[in-house]
C-alpha atoms as a PDB file:
ATOM      1  CA  UNK A   1      -4.448 -11.931 -17.383  1.00  0.00           C
ATOM      2  CA  UNK A   2      -5.691 -14.423 -14.805  1.00  0.00           C
ATOM      3  CA  UNK A   3      -9.497 -14.566 -14.443  1.00  0.00           C
ATOM      4  CA  UNK A   4      -9.368 -13.677 -10.740  1.00  0.00           C
ATOM      5  CA  UNK A   5      -7.103 -10.723 -11.421  1.00  0.00           C
ATOM      6  CA  UNK A   6      -9.564  -9.546 -14.065  1.00  0.00           C
ATOM      7  CA  UNK A   7     -12.291  -9.462 -11.419  1.00  0.00           C
ATOM      8  CA  UNK A   8     -10.048  -7.461  -9.081  1.00  0.00           C
ATOM      9  CA  UNK A   9      -9.317  -4.984 -11.879  1.00  0.00           C
ATOM     10  CA  UNK A  10     -13.024  -4.702 -12.622  1.00  0.00           C
ATOM     11  CA  UNK A  11     -13.774  -4.046  -8.940  1.00  0.00           C
ATOM     12  CA  UNK A  12     -11.027  -1.431  -8.705  1.00  0.00           C
ATOM     13  CA  UNK A  13     -12.277   0.409 -11.783  1.00  0.00           C
ATOM     14  CA  UNK A  14     -15.842   0.398 -10.448  1.00  0.00           C
ATOM     15  CA  UNK A  15     -14.651   1.846  -7.138  1.00  0.00           C
ATOM     16  CA  UNK A  16     -12.524   4.366  -9.006  1.00  0.00           C
ATOM     17  CA  UNK A  17     -15.577   5.666 -10.850  1.00  0.00           C
ATOM     18  CA  UNK A  18     -17.392   6.163  -7.546  1.00  0.00           C
ATOM     19  CA  UNK A  19     -14.400   7.927  -6.025  1.00  0.00           C
ATOM     20  CA  UNK A  20     -13.813  10.245  -8.974  1.00  0.00           C
ATOM     21  CA  UNK A  21     -17.471  11.251  -9.284  1.00  0.00           C
ATOM     22  CA  UNK A  22     -17.491  12.549  -5.722  1.00  0.00           C
ATOM     23  CA  UNK A  23     -13.935  13.914  -5.943  1.00  0.00           C
ATOM     24  CA  UNK A  24     -15.260  16.244  -8.612  1.00  0.00           C
ATOM     25  CA  UNK A  25     -18.213  17.166  -6.352  1.00  0.00           C
ATOM     26  CA  UNK A  26     -16.706  17.656  -2.875  1.00  0.00           C
ATOM     27  CA  UNK A  27     -20.046  18.696  -1.361  1.00  0.00           C
ATOM     28  CA  UNK A  28     -21.023  15.006  -1.631  1.00  0.00           C
ATOM     29  CA  UNK A  29     -18.189  13.901   0.671  1.00  0.00           C
ATOM     30  CA  UNK A  30     -19.122  13.420   4.323  1.00  0.00           C
ATOM     31  CA  UNK A  31     -16.228  12.910   6.737  1.00  0.00           C
ATOM     32  CA  UNK A  32     -16.178  11.464  10.239  1.00  0.00           C
ATOM     33  CA  UNK A  33     -13.407  10.525  12.672  1.00  0.00           C
ATOM     34  CA  UNK A  34     -12.766   6.864  13.537  1.00  0.00           C
ATOM     35  CA  UNK A  35      -9.722   7.528  15.713  1.00  0.00           C
ATOM     36  CA  UNK A  36      -7.051  10.085  16.513  1.00  0.00           C
ATOM     37  CA  UNK A  37      -6.205  11.874  13.232  1.00  0.00           C
ATOM     38  CA  UNK A  38      -7.834   8.958  11.384  1.00  0.00           C
ATOM     39  CA  UNK A  39     -10.757   9.733   9.100  1.00  0.00           C
ATOM     40  CA  UNK A  40     -13.321   7.919   7.018  1.00  0.00           C
ATOM     41  CA  UNK A  41     -15.697   9.287   4.409  1.00  0.00           C
ATOM     42  CA  UNK A  42     -18.996   8.070   3.049  1.00  0.00           C
ATOM     43  CA  UNK A  43     -17.137   7.523  -0.229  1.00  0.00           C
ATOM     44  CA  UNK A  44     -14.680   5.099   1.420  1.00  0.00           C
ATOM     45  CA  UNK A  45     -17.685   3.054   2.487  1.00  0.00           C
ATOM     46  CA  UNK A  46     -19.376   3.324  -0.914  1.00  0.00           C
ATOM     47  CA  UNK A  47     -16.195   2.234  -2.720  1.00  0.00           C
ATOM     48  CA  UNK A  48     -15.741  -0.694  -0.353  1.00  0.00           C
ATOM     49  CA  UNK A  49     -19.299  -1.844  -0.963  1.00  0.00           C
ATOM     50  CA  UNK A  50     -18.835  -1.654  -4.737  1.00  0.00           C
ATOM     51  CA  UNK A  51     -15.597  -3.668  -4.568  1.00  0.00           C
ATOM     52  CA  UNK A  52     -17.074  -6.398  -2.369  1.00  0.00           C
ATOM     53  CA  UNK A  53     -20.289  -6.663  -4.379  1.00  0.00           C
ATOM     54  CA  UNK A  54     -18.357  -6.909  -7.646  1.00  0.00           C
ATOM     55  CA  UNK A  55     -16.163  -9.703  -6.301  1.00  0.00           C
ATOM     56  CA  UNK A  56     -19.056 -11.543  -4.671  1.00  0.00           C
ATOM     57  CA  UNK A  57     -20.824 -11.885  -8.020  1.00  0.00           C
ATOM     58  CA  UNK A  58     -18.006 -14.172  -9.175  1.00  0.00           C
ATOM     59  CA  UNK A  59     -16.754 -15.551  -5.857  1.00  0.00           C
ATOM     60  CA  UNK A  60     -19.622 -15.651  -3.356  1.00  0.00           C
ATOM     61  CA  UNK A  61     -17.810 -18.115  -1.069  1.00  0.00           C
ATOM     62  CA  UNK A  62     -14.714 -15.980  -0.513  1.00  0.00           C
ATOM     63  CA  UNK A  63     -13.996 -14.040   2.692  1.00  0.00           C
ATOM     64  CA  UNK A  64     -13.106 -10.350   3.013  1.00  0.00           C
ATOM     65  CA  UNK A  65     -10.879  -8.216   5.212  1.00  0.00           C
ATOM     66  CA  UNK A  66     -11.702  -4.602   4.443  1.00  0.00           C
ATOM     67  CA  UNK A  67     -10.634  -1.417   6.187  1.00  0.00           C
ATOM     68  CA  UNK A  68     -14.117  -0.121   6.898  1.00  0.00           C
ATOM     69  CA  UNK A  69     -16.198  -3.287   7.380  1.00  0.00           C
ATOM     70  CA  UNK A  70     -13.574  -5.582   8.926  1.00  0.00           C
ATOM     71  CA  UNK A  71     -13.412  -9.320   8.333  1.00  0.00           C
ATOM     72  CA  UNK A  72     -16.538 -11.068   7.115  1.00  0.00           C
ATOM     73  CA  UNK A  73     -17.841 -13.655   4.704  1.00  0.00           C
ATOM     74  CA  UNK A  74     -17.388 -17.398   4.538  1.00  0.00           C
ATOM     75  CA  UNK A  75     -14.377 -18.828   6.363  1.00  0.00           C
ATOM     76  CA  UNK A  76     -12.135 -20.564   3.874  1.00  0.00           C
ATOM     77  CA  UNK A  77      -8.820 -20.523   2.071  1.00  0.00           C
ATOM     78  CA  UNK A  78      -9.463 -17.346   0.064  1.00  0.00           C
ATOM     79  CA  UNK A  79      -9.371 -13.882   1.625  1.00  0.00           C
ATOM     80  CA  UNK A  80      -9.677 -10.551  -0.185  1.00  0.00           C
ATOM     81  CA  UNK A  81      -7.808  -7.709   1.543  1.00  0.00           C
ATOM     82  CA  UNK A  82      -9.234  -4.320   0.606  1.00  0.00           C
ATOM     83  CA  UNK A  83      -8.415  -0.667   1.204  1.00  0.00           C
ATOM     84  CA  UNK A  84     -11.187   1.167  -0.672  1.00  0.00           C
ATOM     85  CA  UNK A  85      -9.392   4.532  -0.619  1.00  0.00           C
ATOM     86  CA  UNK A  86      -5.796   4.577   0.535  1.00  0.00           C
ATOM     87  CA  UNK A  87      -5.010   8.228   1.120  1.00  0.00           C
ATOM     88  CA  UNK A  88      -8.374   9.295   2.542  1.00  0.00           C
ATOM     89  CA  UNK A  89      -6.952  12.501   4.031  1.00  0.00           C
ATOM     90  CA  UNK A  90      -5.690  13.498   0.579  1.00  0.00           C
ATOM     91  CA  UNK A  91      -9.032  12.573  -0.939  1.00  0.00           C
ATOM     92  CA  UNK A  92     -11.247  14.574   1.403  1.00  0.00           C
ATOM     93  CA  UNK A  93      -9.014  17.633   1.081  1.00  0.00           C
ATOM     94  CA  UNK A  94      -9.046  17.548  -2.713  1.00  0.00           C
ATOM     95  CA  UNK A  95      -5.437  16.391  -3.101  1.00  0.00           C
ATOM     96  CA  UNK A  96      -5.351  14.158  -6.214  1.00  0.00           C
ATOM     97  CA  UNK A  97      -3.164  11.397  -4.791  1.00  0.00           C
ATOM     98  CA  UNK A  98      -5.025   8.312  -3.548  1.00  0.00           C
ATOM     99  CA  UNK A  99      -5.760   4.806  -4.748  1.00  0.00           C
ATOM    100  CA  UNK A 100      -7.811   1.632  -4.441  1.00  0.00           C
ATOM    101  CA  UNK A 101      -5.890  -1.378  -3.122  1.00  0.00           C
ATOM    102  CA  UNK A 102      -7.116  -4.980  -3.532  1.00  0.00           C
ATOM    103  CA  UNK A 103      -5.254  -8.232  -2.828  1.00  0.00           C
ATOM    104  CA  UNK A 104      -6.346 -11.861  -2.842  1.00  0.00           C
ATOM    105  CA  UNK A 105      -4.651 -14.297  -0.475  1.00  0.00           C
ATOM    106  CA  UNK A 106      -4.888 -18.089  -0.556  1.00  0.00           C
ATOM    107  CA  UNK A 107      -4.024 -19.848   2.702  1.00  0.00           C
ATOM    108  CA  UNK A 108      -2.315 -16.663   3.864  1.00  0.00           C
ATOM    109  CA  UNK A 109      -0.170 -16.144   0.757  1.00  0.00           C
ATOM    110  CA  UNK A 110      -0.957 -13.238  -1.557  1.00  0.00           C
ATOM    111  CA  UNK A 111      -1.680 -14.458  -5.071  1.00  0.00           C
ATOM    112  CA  UNK A 112      -3.019 -11.412  -6.914  1.00  0.00           C
ATOM    113  CA  UNK A 113      -2.814  -7.671  -6.364  1.00  0.00           C
ATOM    114  CA  UNK A 114      -4.237  -4.464  -7.780  1.00  0.00           C
ATOM    115  CA  UNK A 115      -3.381  -0.883  -6.879  1.00  0.00           C
ATOM    116  CA  UNK A 116      -5.411   1.574  -8.964  1.00  0.00           C
ATOM    117  CA  UNK A 117      -4.879   5.331  -9.167  1.00  0.00           C
ATOM    118  CA  UNK A 118      -8.107   6.634 -10.745  1.00  0.00           C
ATOM    119  CA  UNK A 119      -6.780  10.199 -11.072  1.00  0.00           C
ATOM    120  CA  UNK A 120      -3.939   9.179 -13.392  1.00  0.00           C
ATOM    121  CA  UNK A 121      -5.745   6.050 -14.631  1.00  0.00           C
ATOM    122  CA  UNK A 122      -2.750   3.924 -13.633  1.00  0.00           C
ATOM    123  CA  UNK A 123      -3.523   0.271 -12.931  1.00  0.00           C
ATOM    124  CA  UNK A 124      -0.722  -1.585 -11.151  1.00  0.00           C
ATOM    125  CA  UNK A 125      -1.248  -5.364 -11.163  1.00  0.00           C
ATOM    126  CA  UNK A 126       0.642  -8.469 -10.105  1.00  0.00           C
ATOM    127  CA  UNK A 127       0.094 -12.214  -9.895  1.00  0.00           C
ATOM    128  CA  UNK A 128       2.344 -14.484  -7.898  1.00  0.00           C
ATOM    129  CA  UNK A 129       5.129 -15.821 -10.121  1.00  0.00           C
ATOM    130  CA  UNK A 130       3.968 -13.813 -13.153  1.00  0.00           C
ATOM    131  CA  UNK A 131       5.589 -10.419 -12.591  1.00  0.00           C
ATOM    132  CA  UNK A 132       4.155  -6.947 -12.056  1.00  0.00           C
ATOM    133  CA  UNK A 133       2.633  -4.590 -14.609  1.00  0.00           C
ATOM    134  CA  UNK A 134       1.522  -0.994 -15.012  1.00  0.00           C
ATOM    135  CA  UNK A 135      -1.327  -0.679 -17.504  1.00  0.00           C
ATOM    136  CA  UNK A 136      -0.260  -4.009 -18.973  1.00  0.00           C
ATOM    137  CA  UNK A 137       3.453  -3.217 -19.328  1.00  0.00           C
ATOM    138  CA  UNK A 138       6.076  -4.994 -17.228  1.00  0.00           C
ATOM    139  CA  UNK A 139       7.639  -2.979 -14.412  1.00  0.00           C
ATOM    140  CA  UNK A 140      10.807  -3.519 -12.375  1.00  0.00           C
ATOM    141  CA  UNK A 141      12.304  -1.963  -9.268  1.00  0.00           C
ATOM    142  CA  UNK A 142      15.091   0.562  -9.770  1.00  0.00           C
ATOM    143  CA  UNK A 143      18.638  -0.501 -10.480  1.00  0.00           C
ATOM    144  CA  UNK A 144      20.334   1.601  -7.814  1.00  0.00           C
ATOM    145  CA  UNK A 145      22.934  -0.083  -5.617  1.00  0.00           C
ATOM    146  CA  UNK A 146      23.269   2.396  -2.743  1.00  0.00           C
ATOM    147  CA  UNK A 147      21.596   5.454  -1.206  1.00  0.00           C
ATOM    148  CA  UNK A 148      23.741   8.022  -2.963  1.00  0.00           C
ATOM    149  CA  UNK A 149      21.359   9.830  -5.297  1.00  0.00           C
ATOM    150  CA  UNK A 150      18.406   7.641  -4.293  1.00  0.00           C
ATOM    151  CA  UNK A 151      14.842   8.913  -3.962  1.00  0.00           C
ATOM    152  CA  UNK A 152      13.017   7.395  -0.988  1.00  0.00           C
ATOM    153  CA  UNK A 153       9.410   7.612   0.180  1.00  0.00           C
ATOM    154  CA  UNK A 154       8.018   7.442   3.680  1.00  0.00           C
ATOM    155  CA  UNK A 155       5.013   8.132   5.868  1.00  0.00           C
ATOM    156  CA  UNK A 156       4.977   9.820   9.251  1.00  0.00           C
ATOM    157  CA  UNK A 157       3.676   7.869  12.292  1.00  0.00           C
ATOM    158  CA  UNK A 158       0.770  10.270  12.819  1.00  0.00           C
ATOM    159  CA  UNK A 159      -1.218   7.748  14.881  1.00  0.00           C
ATOM    160  CA  UNK A 160       1.799   6.943  17.096  1.00  0.00           C
ATOM    161  CA  UNK A 161       3.604  10.203  17.715  1.00  0.00           C
ATOM    162  CA  UNK A 162       5.529   8.672  20.612  1.00  0.00           C
ATOM    163  CA  UNK A 163       7.659   6.986  17.918  1.00  0.00           C
ATOM    164  CA  UNK A 164       8.711  10.326  16.479  1.00  0.00           C
ATOM    165  CA  UNK A 165      12.211  10.550  18.053  1.00  0.00           C
ATOM    166  CA  UNK A 166      13.271   7.176  16.618  1.00  0.00           C
ATOM    167  CA  UNK A 167      11.560   7.899  13.327  1.00  0.00           C
ATOM    168  CA  UNK A 168      13.293  11.263  13.036  1.00  0.00           C
ATOM    169  CA  UNK A 169      16.680   9.669  13.688  1.00  0.00           C
ATOM    170  CA  UNK A 170      16.132   7.283  10.768  1.00  0.00           C
ATOM    171  CA  UNK A 171      14.724  10.044   8.567  1.00  0.00           C
ATOM    172  CA  UNK A 172      17.721  12.285   9.268  1.00  0.00           C
ATOM    173  CA  UNK A 173      20.169   9.461   8.538  1.00  0.00           C
ATOM    174  CA  UNK A 174      18.588   8.732   5.166  1.00  0.00           C
ATOM    175  CA  UNK A 175      18.052  12.400   4.283  1.00  0.00           C
ATOM    176  CA  UNK A 176      21.749  13.111   4.673  1.00  0.00           C
ATOM    177  CA  UNK A 177      22.644  10.439   2.101  1.00  0.00           C
ATOM    178  CA  UNK A 178      19.856  10.426  -0.462  1.00  0.00           C
ATOM    179  CA  UNK A 179      18.812  12.859  -3.153  1.00  0.00           C
ATOM    180  CA  UNK A 180      15.500  13.445  -1.350  1.00  0.00           C
ATOM    181  CA  UNK A 181      12.614  11.848   0.539  1.00  0.00           C
ATOM    182  CA  UNK A 182       8.935  12.108  -0.394  1.00  0.00           C
ATOM    183  CA  UNK A 183       5.889  11.884   1.908  1.00  0.00           C
ATOM    184  CA  UNK A 184       2.829  11.728  -0.353  1.00  0.00           C
ATOM    185  CA  UNK A 185       0.224  10.167   1.941  1.00  0.00           C
ATOM    186  CA  UNK A 186      -0.791   6.871   0.303  1.00  0.00           C
ATOM    187  CA  UNK A 187       1.317   3.845   1.289  1.00  0.00           C
ATOM    188  CA  UNK A 188      -0.120   1.524  -1.364  1.00  0.00           C
ATOM    189  CA  UNK A 189       0.917   3.977  -4.082  1.00  0.00           C
ATOM    190  CA  UNK A 190       4.335   4.377  -2.452  1.00  0.00           C
ATOM    191  CA  UNK A 191       4.829   0.619  -2.756  1.00  0.00           C
ATOM    192  CA  UNK A 192       3.544   0.633  -6.346  1.00  0.00           C
ATOM    193  CA  UNK A 193       6.019   3.402  -7.161  1.00  0.00           C
ATOM    194  CA  UNK A 194       8.861   1.336  -5.693  1.00  0.00           C
ATOM    195  CA  UNK A 195       7.752  -1.553  -7.925  1.00  0.00           C
ATOM    196  CA  UNK A 196       7.799   0.753 -10.948  1.00  0.00           C
ATOM    197  CA  UNK A 197      11.255   2.135 -10.130  1.00  0.00           C
ATOM    198  CA  UNK A 198       9.934   5.647  -9.448  1.00  0.00           C
ATOM    199  CA  UNK A 199      11.096   5.442  -5.838  1.00  0.00           C
ATOM    200  CA  UNK A 200      14.244   3.550  -4.874  1.00  0.00           C
ATOM    201  CA  UNK A 201      12.888   2.592  -1.464  1.00  0.00           C
ATOM    202  CA  UNK A 202      10.099   3.090   1.060  1.00  0.00           C
ATOM    203  CA  UNK A 203       9.803   2.861   4.836  1.00  0.00           C
ATOM    204  CA  UNK A 204       6.924   3.491   7.217  1.00  0.00           C
ATOM    205  CA  UNK A 205       5.860   2.461  10.725  1.00  0.00           C
ATOM    206  CA  UNK A 206       2.454   1.323  11.952  1.00  0.00           C
ATOM    207  CA  UNK A 207       0.780   0.367   8.679  1.00  0.00           C
ATOM    208  CA  UNK A 208      -2.213  -1.954   8.469  1.00  0.00           C
ATOM    209  CA  UNK A 209      -2.387  -5.139   6.402  1.00  0.00           C
ATOM    210  CA  UNK A 210      -4.851  -3.581   3.949  1.00  0.00           C
ATOM    211  CA  UNK A 211      -2.361  -0.749   3.348  1.00  0.00           C
ATOM    212  CA  UNK A 212       0.394  -3.114   2.222  1.00  0.00           C
ATOM    213  CA  UNK A 213      -0.981  -6.479   1.034  1.00  0.00           C
ATOM    214  CA  UNK A 214      -1.321  -5.524  -2.636  1.00  0.00           C
ATOM    215  CA  UNK A 215       1.724  -3.260  -2.752  1.00  0.00           C
ATOM    216  CA  UNK A 216       3.968  -5.900  -1.234  1.00  0.00           C
ATOM    217  CA  UNK A 217       3.202  -8.375  -4.018  1.00  0.00           C
ATOM    218  CA  UNK A 218       3.811  -5.642  -6.607  1.00  0.00           C
ATOM    219  CA  UNK A 219       7.265  -4.974  -5.164  1.00  0.00           C
ATOM    220  CA  UNK A 220       8.186  -8.645  -4.903  1.00  0.00           C
ATOM    221  CA  UNK A 221       7.024  -9.456  -8.426  1.00  0.00           C
ATOM    222  CA  UNK A 222       8.971  -6.451  -9.715  1.00  0.00           C
ATOM    223  CA  UNK A 223      12.188  -7.887  -8.241  1.00  0.00           C
ATOM    224  CA  UNK A 224      12.188  -6.069  -4.901  1.00  0.00           C
ATOM    225  CA  UNK A 225      12.174  -7.127  -1.267  1.00  0.00           C
ATOM    226  CA  UNK A 226       9.822  -6.244   1.601  1.00  0.00           C
ATOM    227  CA  UNK A 227      10.791  -6.685   5.270  1.00  0.00           C
ATOM    228  CA  UNK A 228      10.247  -5.236   8.714  1.00  0.00           C
ATOM    229  CA  UNK A 229      12.627  -2.611  10.132  1.00  0.00           C
ATOM    230  CA  UNK A 230      15.019  -5.297  11.314  1.00  0.00           C
ATOM    231  CA  UNK A 231      15.159  -7.107   7.983  1.00  0.00           C
ATOM    232  CA  UNK A 232      12.841  -9.871   9.197  1.00  0.00           C
ATOM    233  CA  UNK A 233       9.408 -10.961   8.062  1.00  0.00           C
ATOM    234  CA  UNK A 234       7.239  -9.625  10.888  1.00  0.00           C
ATOM    235  CA  UNK A 235       6.003  -6.582   8.955  1.00  0.00           C
ATOM    236  CA  UNK A 236       2.441  -7.854   8.521  1.00  0.00           C
ATOM    237  CA  UNK A 237       2.152  -8.050  12.313  1.00  0.00           C
ATOM    238  CA  UNK A 238       4.096  -4.939  13.323  1.00  0.00           C
ATOM    239  CA  UNK A 239       3.124  -2.743  10.384  1.00  0.00           C
ATOM    240  CA  UNK A 240       6.755  -1.562  10.149  1.00  0.00           C
ATOM    241  CA  UNK A 241       7.621  -1.884   6.477  1.00  0.00           C
ATOM    242  CA  UNK A 242      10.732  -1.399   4.341  1.00  0.00           C
ATOM    243  CA  UNK A 243      10.585  -2.018   0.582  1.00  0.00           C
ATOM    244  CA  UNK A 244      13.297  -1.605  -2.035  1.00  0.00           C
ATOM    245  CA  UNK A 245      15.543  -3.370  -4.509  1.00  0.00           C
ATOM    246  CA  UNK A 246      17.608  -5.993  -2.632  1.00  0.00           C
ATOM    247  CA  UNK A 247      20.890  -4.094  -2.265  1.00  0.00           C
ATOM    248  CA  UNK A 248      19.265  -0.812  -1.295  1.00  0.00           C
ATOM    249  CA  UNK A 249      17.001  -2.549   1.199  1.00  0.00           C
ATOM    250  CA  UNK A 250      19.988  -4.197   2.855  1.00  0.00           C
ATOM    251  CA  UNK A 251      21.665  -0.807   3.203  1.00  0.00           C
ATOM    252  CA  UNK A 252      18.491   0.769   4.605  1.00  0.00           C
ATOM    253  CA  UNK A 253      17.942  -1.962   7.196  1.00  0.00           C
ATOM    254  CA  UNK A 254      21.615  -1.990   8.243  1.00  0.00           C
ATOM    255  CA  UNK A 255      21.512   1.735   8.890  1.00  0.00           C
ATOM    256  CA  UNK A 256      18.123   1.669  10.637  1.00  0.00           C
ATOM    257  CA  UNK A 257      18.900  -1.058  13.178  1.00  0.00           C
ATOM    258  CA  UNK A 258      21.241   0.858  15.520  1.00  0.00           C
ATOM    259  CA  UNK A 259      18.870   3.837  15.624  1.00  0.00           C
ATOM    260  CA  UNK A 260      15.807   1.860  16.713  1.00  0.00           C
ATOM    261  CA  UNK A 261      14.650   0.249  19.941  1.00  0.00           C
ATOM    262  CA  UNK A 262      14.284  -3.521  19.975  1.00  0.00           C
ATOM    263  CA  UNK A 263      10.491  -3.244  19.685  1.00  0.00           C
ATOM    264  CA  UNK A 264      10.788  -1.026  16.606  1.00  0.00           C
ATOM    265  CA  UNK A 265      13.167  -3.419  14.855  1.00  0.00           C
ATOM    266  CA  UNK A 266      10.299  -5.853  14.284  1.00  0.00           C
END
């Protein structure tokens, strides 16, 4: 394993210990609102601090983009993109489905990624050009070729409910053809599950870069594709993400396009 990836794994495990200690003692979790239906806990902040401090010990000159503290650190070619707890709503309500997401970019290109589920002790890792792993074993996207019998995952646009009519049209289209659709509440884990072949595809609108940076590399290194809703590469700007094996993704995008406004196809 690459030395930098080792540091990311170490940081994720340290944050996971913090998260699980308080998950077992919910009276320690303090929750506040940072936006409409958007919450943060004191544990999110504690996990973020642990991750950044762990990385800084080895790479003090690197910069950080983290969900709770924003962008900070030295300006340079290396940027760590961090979601300390993806699935905060699950976490604060005692639902055991959340993760720590850490990615390292170099000149804007993601080089290493970690998505860690501390409940199941599942460590998803990837390095650019070296494949994706789950607990050290190679993973690949599913081998499905169409939506018949496929299992998809999604997330509802809870921060942008004005998008609901278009979203529902897409959801209904896919639901009619697939075996089922899951909505579990942690986008980084959804992407990791696509990489591991557990889900055949994933789509969600309005995500943030820290939600997807690590998961995107996992999917790509596992043989999948990640695009925006129109099949282009604007997803890091729009937050509209589709991820799947190549043939399934092409089918998903082709069917989504006519149901979406021009602004949503980006």
